[in-house]
Structure formats: structure tokens, C-alpha cells
Amino acid sequence: MANIISDETMEYVGILAKLELSDEEKKAAAADMGKMLDYFDKMSELDTTGVEPMSHVFPIHNVLREDVVTNGDDRDAILQNAPAQKEGMFVVPKTVG
């Protein structure tokens, strides 16, 4: 394990994560973090020339439809459902004092 996580680093991570860790938990977390960093180091040794960067493992593409208004301007029909209306708008109770 080449990556050793210091006690100060674990204390700082605990503060950032708002965790209260016991000494045993700090040691276990530091060992786990060290293993993760070792794995990252191992992955950085891979030859990735010619490999195109990707954001997802599977080829996912957004399927978007055109934003087309389908119900048109039917204000009068909509306002028929309003319990109260004034000048072509809904009247609602005042909510801000």
C-alpha cells in the first residue's frame, strides 16, 4: 500500500463529512482510502491511447421531441374552470402579507 492516509487527513475528512469517528473507524477508513488511491494509481498505468473519453459505459443518447404547442391559446376555456377571474386571469387569495 503506497498511499498512506495521515491522521490529520482523516480528521479533516471527518470534519468535512460531519462524522464523529472512533480511532478504530479512522484507521479502517484510512486503510480503505489508501486501497482506493492505490487502485487509482494502478489504473493510471493503463495505456489509453486511442480510447475515446465517454461519460457513460452504455451508448445513451437523449431522445428529445420538438417543443411544439399543441393546445394553443385557449384562455377562455381554461378560465371557465376558475372559481374567480378578473381581466382574463385567475384570482387567488393573497399569500404574502
PDB file of N, CA and C in Angstrom:
ATOM      1  N   MET A   1       0.850  -1.170   0.000  1.00  0.00           N
ATOM      2  CA  MET A   1       0.000   0.000   0.000  1.00  0.00           C
ATOM      3  C   MET A   1       0.898   1.235   0.000  1.00  0.00           C
ATOM      4  N   ALA A   2       0.977   1.894  -1.130  1.00  0.00           N
ATOM      5  CA  ALA A   2       1.855   3.048  -1.283  1.00  0.00           C
ATOM      6  C   ALA A   2       1.215   4.319  -0.730  1.00  0.00           C
ATOM      7  N   ASN A   3      -0.083   4.402  -0.797  1.00  0.00           N
ATOM      8  CA  ASN A   3      -0.775   5.606  -0.334  1.00  0.00           C
ATOM      9  C   ASN A   3      -1.152   5.459   1.137  1.00  0.00           C
ATOM     10  N   ILE A   4      -0.503   6.250   1.962  1.00  0.00           N
ATOM     11  CA  ILE A   4      -0.788   6.244   3.395  1.00  0.00           C
ATOM     12  C   ILE A   4      -1.568   7.523   3.710  1.00  0.00           C
ATOM     13  N   ILE A   5      -2.706   7.351   4.336  1.00  0.00           N
ATOM     14  CA  ILE A   5      -3.541   8.486   4.718  1.00  0.00           C
ATOM     15  C   ILE A   5      -3.182   8.872   6.148  1.00  0.00           C
ATOM     16  N   SER A   6      -2.816  10.129   6.344  1.00  0.00           N
ATOM     17  CA  SER A   6      -2.394  10.576   7.673  1.00  0.00           C
ATOM     18  C   SER A   6      -3.598  10.754   8.595  1.00  0.00           C
ATOM     19  N   ASP A   7      -3.296  10.799   9.888  1.00  0.00           N
ATOM     20  CA  ASP A   7      -4.348  11.023  10.888  1.00  0.00           C
ATOM     21  C   ASP A   7      -4.980  12.399  10.704  1.00  0.00           C
ATOM     22  N   GLU A   8      -4.163  13.384  10.313  1.00  0.00           N
ATOM     23  CA  GLU A   8      -4.682  14.727  10.096  1.00  0.00           C
ATOM     24  C   GLU A   8      -5.664  14.748   8.923  1.00  0.00           C
ATOM     25  N   THR A   9      -5.330  14.003   7.889  1.00  0.00           N
ATOM     26  CA  THR A   9      -6.224  13.932   6.726  1.00  0.00           C
ATOM     27  C   THR A   9      -7.539  13.278   7.114  1.00  0.00           C
ATOM     28  N   MET A  10      -7.480  12.205   7.894  1.00  0.00           N
ATOM     29  CA  MET A  10      -8.712  11.534   8.326  1.00  0.00           C
ATOM     30  C   MET A  10      -9.542  12.442   9.231  1.00  0.00           C
ATOM     31  N   GLU A  11      -8.876  13.214  10.060  1.00  0.00           N
ATOM     32  CA  GLU A  11      -9.586  14.161  10.927  1.00  0.00           C
ATOM     33  C   GLU A  11     -10.301  15.205  10.072  1.00  0.00           C
ATOM     34  N   TYR A  12      -9.602  15.709   9.046  1.00  0.00           N
ATOM     35  CA  TYR A  12     -10.173  16.719   8.149  1.00  0.00           C
ATOM     36  C   TYR A  12     -11.357  16.151   7.369  1.00  0.00           C
ATOM     37  N   VAL A  13     -11.211  14.930   6.861  1.00  0.00           N
ATOM     38  CA  VAL A  13     -12.305  14.281   6.130  1.00  0.00           C
ATOM     39  C   VAL A  13     -13.505  14.092   7.054  1.00  0.00           C
ATOM     40  N   GLY A  14     -13.252  13.712   8.283  1.00  0.00           N
ATOM     41  CA  GLY A  14     -14.336  13.561   9.250  1.00  0.00           C
ATOM     42  C   GLY A  14     -15.064  14.869   9.502  1.00  0.00           C
ATOM     43  N   ILE A  15     -14.308  15.962   9.567  1.00  0.00           N
ATOM     44  CA  ILE A  15     -14.926  17.282   9.767  1.00  0.00           C
ATOM     45  C   ILE A  15     -15.771  17.648   8.555  1.00  0.00           C
ATOM     46  N   LEU A  16     -15.215  17.442   7.346  1.00  0.00           N
ATOM     47  CA  LEU A  16     -15.959  17.773   6.132  1.00  0.00           C
ATOM     48  C   LEU A  16     -17.235  16.945   6.008  1.00  0.00           C
ATOM     49  N   ALA A  17     -17.154  15.668   6.384  1.00  0.00           N
ATOM     50  CA  ALA A  17     -18.307  14.776   6.275  1.00  0.00           C
ATOM     51  C   ALA A  17     -19.224  14.883   7.490  1.00  0.00           C
ATOM     52  N   LYS A  18     -18.826  15.706   8.472  1.00  0.00           N
ATOM     53  CA  LYS A  18     -19.591  15.869   9.715  1.00  0.00           C
ATOM     54  C   LYS A  18     -19.820  14.516  10.402  1.00  0.00           C
ATOM     55  N   LEU A  19     -18.713  13.754  10.498  1.00  0.00           N
ATOM     56  CA  LEU A  19     -18.752  12.443  11.139  1.00  0.00           C
ATOM     57  C   LEU A  19     -17.877  12.458  12.376  1.00  0.00           C
ATOM     58  N   GLU A  20     -18.330  11.771  13.408  1.00  0.00           N
ATOM     59  CA  GLU A  20     -17.501  11.559  14.582  1.00  0.00           C
ATOM     60  C   GLU A  20     -17.049  10.105  14.536  1.00  0.00           C
ATOM     61  N   LEU A  21     -15.765   9.898  14.223  1.00  0.00           N
ATOM     62  CA  LEU A  21     -15.232   8.553  14.065  1.00  0.00           C
ATOM     63  C   LEU A  21     -14.365   8.193  15.260  1.00  0.00           C
ATOM     64  N   SER A  22     -14.476   6.949  15.681  1.00  0.00           N
ATOM     65  CA  SER A  22     -13.584   6.468  16.728  1.00  0.00           C
ATOM     66  C   SER A  22     -12.209   6.225  16.101  1.00  0.00           C
ATOM     67  N   ASP A  23     -11.207   5.985  16.939  1.00  0.00           N
ATOM     68  CA  ASP A  23      -9.858   5.738  16.422  1.00  0.00           C
ATOM     69  C   ASP A  23      -9.828   4.506  15.518  1.00  0.00           C
ATOM     70  N   GLU A  24     -10.570   3.466  15.889  1.00  0.00           N
ATOM     71  CA  GLU A  24     -10.611   2.251  15.071  1.00  0.00           C
ATOM     72  C   GLU A  24     -11.271   2.526  13.723  1.00  0.00           C
ATOM     73  N   GLU A  25     -12.350   3.317  13.743  1.00  0.00           N
ATOM     74  CA  GLU A  25     -13.029   3.658  12.496  1.00  0.00           C
ATOM     75  C   GLU A  25     -12.149   4.519  11.602  1.00  0.00           C
ATOM     76  N   LYS A  26     -11.374   5.428  12.205  1.00  0.00           N
ATOM     77  CA  LYS A  26     -10.453   6.259  11.430  1.00  0.00           C
ATOM     78  C   LYS A  26      -9.385   5.405  10.768  1.00  0.00           C
ATOM     79  N   LYS A  27      -8.854   4.422  11.510  1.00  0.00           N
ATOM     80  CA  LYS A  27      -7.823   3.537  10.951  1.00  0.00           C
ATOM     81  C   LYS A  27      -8.393   2.704   9.808  1.00  0.00           C
ATOM     82  N   ALA A  28      -9.605   2.193   9.987  1.00  0.00           N
ATOM     83  CA  ALA A  28     -10.234   1.377   8.939  1.00  0.00           C
ATOM     84  C   ALA A  28     -10.534   2.227   7.710  1.00  0.00           C
ATOM     85  N   ALA A  29     -11.036   3.440   7.922  1.00  0.00           N
ATOM     86  CA  ALA A  29     -11.344   4.324   6.797  1.00  0.00           C
ATOM     87  C   ALA A  29     -10.073   4.739   6.072  1.00  0.00           C
ATOM     88  N   ALA A  30      -9.004   5.001   6.816  1.00  0.00           N
ATOM     89  CA  ALA A  30      -7.728   5.372   6.195  1.00  0.00           C
ATOM     90  C   ALA A  30      -7.193   4.215   5.354  1.00  0.00           C
ATOM     91  N   ALA A  31      -7.321   2.991   5.852  1.00  0.00           N
ATOM     92  CA  ALA A  31      -6.878   1.826   5.081  1.00  0.00           C
ATOM     93  C   ALA A  31      -7.701   1.682   3.808  1.00  0.00           C
ATOM     94  N   ASP A  32      -9.011   1.855   3.916  1.00  0.00           N
ATOM     95  CA  ASP A  32      -9.879   1.774   2.738  1.00  0.00           C
ATOM     96  C   ASP A  32      -9.531   2.856   1.717  1.00  0.00           C
ATOM     97  N   MET A  33      -9.323   4.080   2.187  1.00  0.00           N
ATOM     98  CA  MET A  33      -8.961   5.167   1.279  1.00  0.00           C
ATOM     99  C   MET A  33      -7.621   4.896   0.608  1.00  0.00           C
ATOM    100  N   GLY A  34      -6.683   4.366   1.365  1.00  0.00           N
ATOM    101  CA  GLY A  34      -5.382   4.016   0.798  1.00  0.00           C
ATOM    102  C   GLY A  34      -5.513   2.982  -0.310  1.00  0.00           C
ATOM    103  N   LYS A  35      -6.380   1.987  -0.089  1.00  0.00           N
ATOM    104  CA  LYS A  35      -6.608   0.962  -1.119  1.00  0.00           C
ATOM    105  C   LYS A  35      -7.224   1.575  -2.372  1.00  0.00           C
ATOM    106  N   MET A  36      -8.169   2.508  -2.166  1.00  0.00           N
ATOM    107  CA  MET A  36      -8.792   3.169  -3.325  1.00  0.00           C
ATOM    108  C   MET A  36      -7.764   3.970  -4.109  1.00  0.00           C
ATOM    109  N   LEU A  37      -6.911   4.710  -3.399  1.00  0.00           N
ATOM    110  CA  LEU A  37      -5.894   5.504  -4.082  1.00  0.00           C
ATOM    111  C   LEU A  37      -4.883   4.617  -4.797  1.00  0.00           C
ATOM    112  N   ASP A  38      -4.544   3.473  -4.191  1.00  0.00           N
ATOM    113  CA  ASP A  38      -3.660   2.518  -4.866  1.00  0.00           C
ATOM    114  C   ASP A  38      -4.287   2.014  -6.153  1.00  0.00           C
ATOM    115  N   TYR A  39      -5.582   1.766  -6.120  1.00  0.00           N
ATOM    116  CA  TYR A  39      -6.286   1.295  -7.314  1.00  0.00           C
ATOM    117  C   TYR A  39      -6.279   2.375  -8.396  1.00  0.00           C
ATOM    118  N   PHE A  40      -6.481   3.628  -8.001  1.00  0.00           N
ATOM    119  CA  PHE A  40      -6.417   4.725  -8.967  1.00  0.00           C
ATOM    120  C   PHE A  40      -5.027   4.815  -9.587  1.00  0.00           C
ATOM    121  N   ASP A  41      -3.990   4.646  -8.762  1.00  0.00           N
ATOM    122  CA  ASP A  41      -2.624   4.667  -9.288  1.00  0.00           C
ATOM    123  C   ASP A  41      -2.422   3.542 -10.294  1.00  0.00           C
ATOM    124  N   LYS A  42      -2.955   2.376  -9.980  1.00  0.00           N
ATOM    125  CA  LYS A  42      -2.825   1.235 -10.888  1.00  0.00           C
ATOM    126  C   LYS A  42      -3.540   1.521 -12.209  1.00  0.00           C
ATOM    127  N   MET A  43      -4.708   2.141 -12.132  1.00  0.00           N
ATOM    128  CA  MET A  43      -5.458   2.456 -13.348  1.00  0.00           C
ATOM    129  C   MET A  43      -4.744   3.509 -14.186  1.00  0.00           C
ATOM    130  N   SER A  44      -4.012   4.411 -13.538  1.00  0.00           N
ATOM    131  CA  SER A  44      -3.309   5.448 -14.295  1.00  0.00           C
ATOM    132  C   SER A  44      -2.143   4.871 -15.088  1.00  0.00           C
ATOM    133  N   GLU A  45      -1.738   3.655 -14.800  1.00  0.00           N
ATOM    134  CA  GLU A  45      -0.669   2.992 -15.549  1.00  0.00           C
ATOM    135  C   GLU A  45      -1.167   2.421 -16.877  1.00  0.00           C
ATOM    136  N   LEU A  46      -2.480   2.334 -17.056  1.00  0.00           N
ATOM    137  CA  LEU A  46      -3.033   1.756 -18.280  1.00  0.00           C
ATOM    138  C   LEU A  46      -2.758   2.646 -19.477  1.00  0.00           C
ATOM    139  N   ASP A  47      -2.524   2.020 -20.626  1.00  0.00           N
ATOM    140  CA  ASP A  47      -2.331   2.750 -21.869  1.00  0.00           C
ATOM    141  C   ASP A  47      -3.700   3.038 -22.473  1.00  0.00           C
ATOM    142  N   THR A  48      -4.076   4.291 -22.497  1.00  0.00           N
ATOM    143  CA  THR A  48      -5.395   4.661 -23.008  1.00  0.00           C
ATOM    144  C   THR A  48      -5.307   5.426 -24.322  1.00  0.00           C
ATOM    145  N   THR A  49      -4.186   5.308 -25.014  1.00  0.00           N
ATOM    146  CA  THR A  49      -4.078   5.993 -26.300  1.00  0.00           C
ATOM    147  C   THR A  49      -5.077   5.368 -27.268  1.00  0.00           C
ATOM    148  N   GLY A  50      -5.786   6.216 -27.967  1.00  0.00           N
ATOM    149  CA  GLY A  50      -6.780   5.749 -28.925  1.00  0.00           C
ATOM    150  C   GLY A  50      -8.127   5.414 -28.312  1.00  0.00           C
ATOM    151  N   VAL A  51      -8.252   5.549 -27.004  1.00  0.00           N
ATOM    152  CA  VAL A  51      -9.532   5.282 -26.340  1.00  0.00           C
ATOM    153  C   VAL A  51     -10.261   6.607 -26.189  1.00  0.00           C
ATOM    154  N   GLU A  52     -11.445   6.666 -26.782  1.00  0.00           N
ATOM    155  CA  GLU A  52     -12.213   7.905 -26.737  1.00  0.00           C
ATOM    156  C   GLU A  52     -12.873   8.079 -25.371  1.00  0.00           C
ATOM    157  N   PRO A  53     -12.774   9.281 -24.771  1.00  0.00           N
ATOM    158  CA  PRO A  53     -13.430   9.508 -23.477  1.00  0.00           C
ATOM    159  C   PRO A  53     -14.946   9.352 -23.598  1.00  0.00           C
ATOM    160  N   MET A  54     -15.561   8.883 -22.516  1.00  0.00           N
ATOM    161  CA  MET A  54     -17.012   8.721 -22.525  1.00  0.00           C
ATOM    162  C   MET A  54     -17.572   9.134 -21.177  1.00  0.00           C
ATOM    163  N   SER A  55     -18.834   9.484 -21.202  1.00  0.00           N
ATOM    164  CA  SER A  55     -19.488   9.884 -19.960  1.00  0.00           C
ATOM    165  C   SER A  55     -20.287   8.739 -19.360  1.00  0.00           C
ATOM    166  N   HIS A  56     -20.527   7.693 -20.138  1.00  0.00           N
ATOM    167  CA  HIS A  56     -21.313   6.561 -19.662  1.00  0.00           C
ATOM    168  C   HIS A  56     -20.829   5.295 -20.365  1.00  0.00           C
ATOM    169  N   VAL A  57     -20.947   4.177 -19.687  1.00  0.00           N
ATOM    170  CA  VAL A  57     -20.488   2.912 -20.256  1.00  0.00           C
ATOM    171  C   VAL A  57     -21.323   2.508 -21.463  1.00  0.00           C
ATOM    172  N   PHE A  58     -22.609   2.754 -21.400  1.00  0.00           N
ATOM    173  CA  PHE A  58     -23.509   2.380 -22.486  1.00  0.00           C
ATOM    174  C   PHE A  58     -23.754   3.571 -23.398  1.00  0.00           C
ATOM    175  N   PRO A  59     -23.938   3.334 -24.687  1.00  0.00           N
ATOM    176  CA  PRO A  59     -24.201   4.466 -25.591  1.00  0.00           C
ATOM    177  C   PRO A  59     -25.619   4.993 -25.417  1.00  0.00           C
ATOM    178  N   ILE A  60     -25.749   5.997 -24.590  1.00  0.00           N
ATOM    179  CA  ILE A  60     -27.059   6.572 -24.302  1.00  0.00           C
ATOM    180  C   ILE A  60     -27.156   7.920 -24.997  1.00  0.00           C
ATOM    181  N   HIS A  61     -28.243   8.137 -25.692  1.00  0.00           N
ATOM    182  CA  HIS A  61     -28.477   9.406 -26.365  1.00  0.00           C
ATOM    183  C   HIS A  61     -29.838   9.933 -25.938  1.00  0.00           C
ATOM    184  N   ASN A  62     -29.911  11.227 -25.707  1.00  0.00           N
ATOM    185  CA  ASN A  62     -31.198  11.829 -25.364  1.00  0.00           C
ATOM    186  C   ASN A  62     -32.114  11.805 -26.580  1.00  0.00           C
ATOM    187  N   VAL A  63     -33.321  11.389 -26.356  1.00  0.00           N
ATOM    188  CA  VAL A  63     -34.317  11.411 -27.414  1.00  0.00           C
ATOM    189  C   VAL A  63     -35.296  12.517 -27.048  1.00  0.00           C
ATOM    190  N   LEU A  64     -35.178  13.617 -27.741  1.00  0.00           N
ATOM    191  CA  LEU A  64     -35.996  14.770 -27.428  1.00  0.00           C
ATOM    192  C   LEU A  64     -36.956  15.042 -28.570  1.00  0.00           C
ATOM    193  N   ARG A  65     -38.138  15.463 -28.226  1.00  0.00           N
ATOM    194  CA  ARG A  65     -39.109  15.831 -29.246  1.00  0.00           C
ATOM    195  C   ARG A  65     -39.087  17.339 -29.417  1.00  0.00           C
ATOM    196  N   GLU A  66     -39.624  17.790 -30.509  1.00  0.00           N
ATOM    197  CA  GLU A  66     -39.741  19.224 -30.742  1.00  0.00           C
ATOM    198  C   GLU A  66     -40.694  19.820 -29.715  1.00  0.00           C
ATOM    199  N   ASP A  67     -40.393  21.002 -29.256  1.00  0.00           N
ATOM    200  CA  ASP A  67     -41.253  21.698 -28.303  1.00  0.00           C
ATOM    201  C   ASP A  67     -42.314  22.452 -29.091  1.00  0.00           C
ATOM    202  N   VAL A  68     -43.430  21.773 -29.323  1.00  0.00           N
ATOM    203  CA  VAL A  68     -44.498  22.328 -30.138  1.00  0.00           C
ATOM    204  C   VAL A  68     -45.736  22.503 -29.266  1.00  0.00           C
ATOM    205  N   VAL A  69     -46.325  23.671 -29.306  1.00  0.00           N
ATOM    206  CA  VAL A  69     -47.552  23.929 -28.553  1.00  0.00           C
ATOM    207  C   VAL A  69     -48.682  23.177 -29.246  1.00  0.00           C
ATOM    208  N   THR A  70     -49.403  22.348 -28.476  1.00  0.00           N
ATOM    209  CA  THR A  70     -50.473  21.552 -29.077  1.00  0.00           C
ATOM    210  C   THR A  70     -51.859  22.029 -28.664  1.00  0.00           C
ATOM    211  N   ASN A  71     -51.948  22.728 -27.503  1.00  0.00           N
ATOM    212  CA  ASN A  71     -53.275  23.133 -27.050  1.00  0.00           C
ATOM    213  C   ASN A  71     -53.613  24.574 -27.403  1.00  0.00           C
ATOM    214  N   GLY A  72     -52.684  25.295 -27.956  1.00  0.00           N
ATOM    215  CA  GLY A  72     -52.954  26.643 -28.436  1.00  0.00           C
ATOM    216  C   GLY A  72     -53.331  27.620 -27.335  1.00  0.00           C
ATOM    217  N   ASP A  73     -53.872  28.736 -27.758  1.00  0.00           N
ATOM    218  CA  ASP A  73     -54.268  29.789 -26.827  1.00  0.00           C
ATOM    219  C   ASP A  73     -55.762  29.653 -26.566  1.00  0.00           C
ATOM    220  N   ASP A  74     -56.093  28.864 -25.542  1.00  0.00           N
ATOM    221  CA  ASP A  74     -57.489  28.588 -25.236  1.00  0.00           C
ATOM    222  C   ASP A  74     -57.829  29.172 -23.864  1.00  0.00           C
ATOM    223  N   ARG A  75     -57.483  30.457 -23.679  1.00  0.00           N
ATOM    224  CA  ARG A  75     -57.638  31.103 -22.390  1.00  0.00           C
ATOM    225  C   ARG A  75     -59.077  31.062 -21.879  1.00  0.00           C
ATOM    226  N   ASP A  76     -60.027  31.325 -22.732  1.00  0.00           N
ATOM    227  CA  ASP A  76     -61.426  31.372 -22.281  1.00  0.00           C
ATOM    228  C   ASP A  76     -61.893  30.025 -21.761  1.00  0.00           C
ATOM    229  N   ALA A  77     -61.522  28.946 -22.435  1.00  0.00           N
ATOM    230  CA  ALA A  77     -61.916  27.611 -21.976  1.00  0.00           C
ATOM    231  C   ALA A  77     -61.250  27.272 -20.647  1.00  0.00           C
ATOM    232  N   ILE A  78     -59.994  27.671 -20.482  1.00  0.00           N
ATOM    233  CA  ILE A  78     -59.277  27.400 -19.233  1.00  0.00           C
ATOM    234  C   ILE A  78     -59.883  28.200 -18.087  1.00  0.00           C
ATOM    235  N   LEU A  79     -60.197  29.462 -18.342  1.00  0.00           N
ATOM    236  CA  LEU A  79     -60.746  30.309 -17.288  1.00  0.00           C
ATOM    237  C   LEU A  79     -62.155  29.907 -16.875  1.00  0.00           C
ATOM    238  N   GLN A  80     -62.842  29.085 -17.662  1.00  0.00           N
ATOM    239  CA  GLN A  80     -64.166  28.599 -17.261  1.00  0.00           C
ATOM    240  C   GLN A  80     -64.073  27.729 -16.010  1.00  0.00           C
ATOM    241  N   ASN A  81     -62.891  27.137 -15.768  1.00  0.00           N
ATOM    242  CA  ASN A  81     -62.696  26.290 -14.584  1.00  0.00           C
ATOM    243  C   ASN A  81     -62.315  27.097 -13.350  1.00  0.00           C
ATOM    244  N   ALA A  82     -62.022  28.365 -13.508  1.00  0.00           N
ATOM    245  CA  ALA A  82     -61.581  29.192 -12.392  1.00  0.00           C
ATOM    246  C   ALA A  82     -62.757  29.557 -11.495  1.00  0.00           C
ATOM    247  N   PRO A  83     -62.587  29.441 -10.179  1.00  0.00           N
ATOM    248  CA  PRO A  83     -63.662  29.866  -9.274  1.00  0.00           C
ATOM    249  C   PRO A  83     -63.854  31.383  -9.320  1.00  0.00           C
ATOM    250  N   ALA A  84     -62.750  32.112  -9.622  1.00  0.00           N
ATOM    251  CA  ALA A  84     -62.849  33.576  -9.742  1.00  0.00           C
ATOM    252  C   ALA A  84     -61.832  34.032 -10.785  1.00  0.00           C
ATOM    253  N   GLN A  85     -62.241  35.033 -11.573  1.00  0.00           N
ATOM    254  CA  GLN A  85     -61.334  35.560 -12.593  1.00  0.00           C
ATOM    255  C   GLN A  85     -61.528  37.058 -12.710  1.00  0.00           C
ATOM    256  N   LYS A  86     -60.466  37.704 -13.193  1.00  0.00           N
ATOM    257  CA  LYS A  86     -60.537  39.157 -13.373  1.00  0.00           C
ATOM    258  C   LYS A  86     -59.597  39.524 -14.518  1.00  0.00           C
ATOM    259  N   GLU A  87     -60.123  40.206 -15.497  1.00  0.00           N
ATOM    260  CA  GLU A  87     -59.358  40.675 -16.648  1.00  0.00           C
ATOM    261  C   GLU A  87     -58.577  39.540 -17.317  1.00  0.00           C
ATOM    262  N   GLY A  88     -59.206  38.399 -17.460  1.00  0.00           N
ATOM    263  CA  GLY A  88     -58.583  37.271 -18.151  1.00  0.00           C
ATOM    264  C   GLY A  88     -57.540  36.532 -17.335  1.00  0.00           C
ATOM    265  N   MET A  89     -57.571  36.658 -16.015  1.00  0.00           N
ATOM    266  CA  MET A  89     -56.585  35.970 -15.163  1.00  0.00           C
ATOM    267  C   MET A  89     -57.305  35.333 -13.985  1.00  0.00           C
ATOM    268  N   PHE A  90     -56.656  34.331 -13.390  1.00  0.00           N
ATOM    269  CA  PHE A  90     -57.182  33.694 -12.195  1.00  0.00           C
ATOM    270  C   PHE A  90     -57.073  34.662 -11.028  1.00  0.00           C
ATOM    271  N   VAL A  91     -58.047  34.664 -10.152  1.00  0.00           N
ATOM    272  CA  VAL A  91     -57.991  35.433  -8.907  1.00  0.00           C
ATOM    273  C   VAL A  91     -57.764  34.427  -7.796  1.00  0.00           C
ATOM    274  N   VAL A  92     -56.676  34.662  -7.032  1.00  0.00           N
ATOM    275  CA  VAL A  92     -56.328  33.755  -5.940  1.00  0.00           C
ATOM    276  C   VAL A  92     -56.208  34.557  -4.658  1.00  0.00           C
ATOM    277  N   PRO A  93     -56.317  33.865  -3.501  1.00  0.00           N
ATOM    278  CA  PRO A  93     -56.182  34.576  -2.238  1.00  0.00           C
ATOM    279  C   PRO A  93     -54.753  35.141  -2.097  1.00  0.00           C
ATOM    280  N   LYS A  94     -54.633  36.272  -1.432  1.00  0.00           N
ATOM    281  CA  LYS A  94     -53.335  36.881  -1.187  1.00  0.00           C
ATOM    282  C   LYS A  94     -52.546  35.981  -0.239  1.00  0.00           C
ATOM    283  N   THR A  95     -51.297  35.692  -0.600  1.00  0.00           N
ATOM    284  CA  THR A  95     -50.490  34.787   0.212  1.00  0.00           C
ATOM    285  C   THR A  95     -49.325  35.494   0.908  1.00  0.00           C
ATOM    286  N   VAL A  96     -49.003  36.695   0.490  1.00  0.00           N
ATOM    287  CA  VAL A  96     -47.904  37.447   1.088  1.00  0.00           C
ATOM    288  C   VAL A  96     -48.477  38.659   1.797  1.00  0.00           C
ATOM    289  N   GLY A  97     -48.072  38.841   3.050  1.00  0.00           N
ATOM    290  CA  GLY A  97     -48.632  39.934   3.841  1.00  0.00           C
ATOM    291  C   GLY A  97     -47.915  41.216   3.708  1.00  0.00           C
TER     292      GLY A  97
END
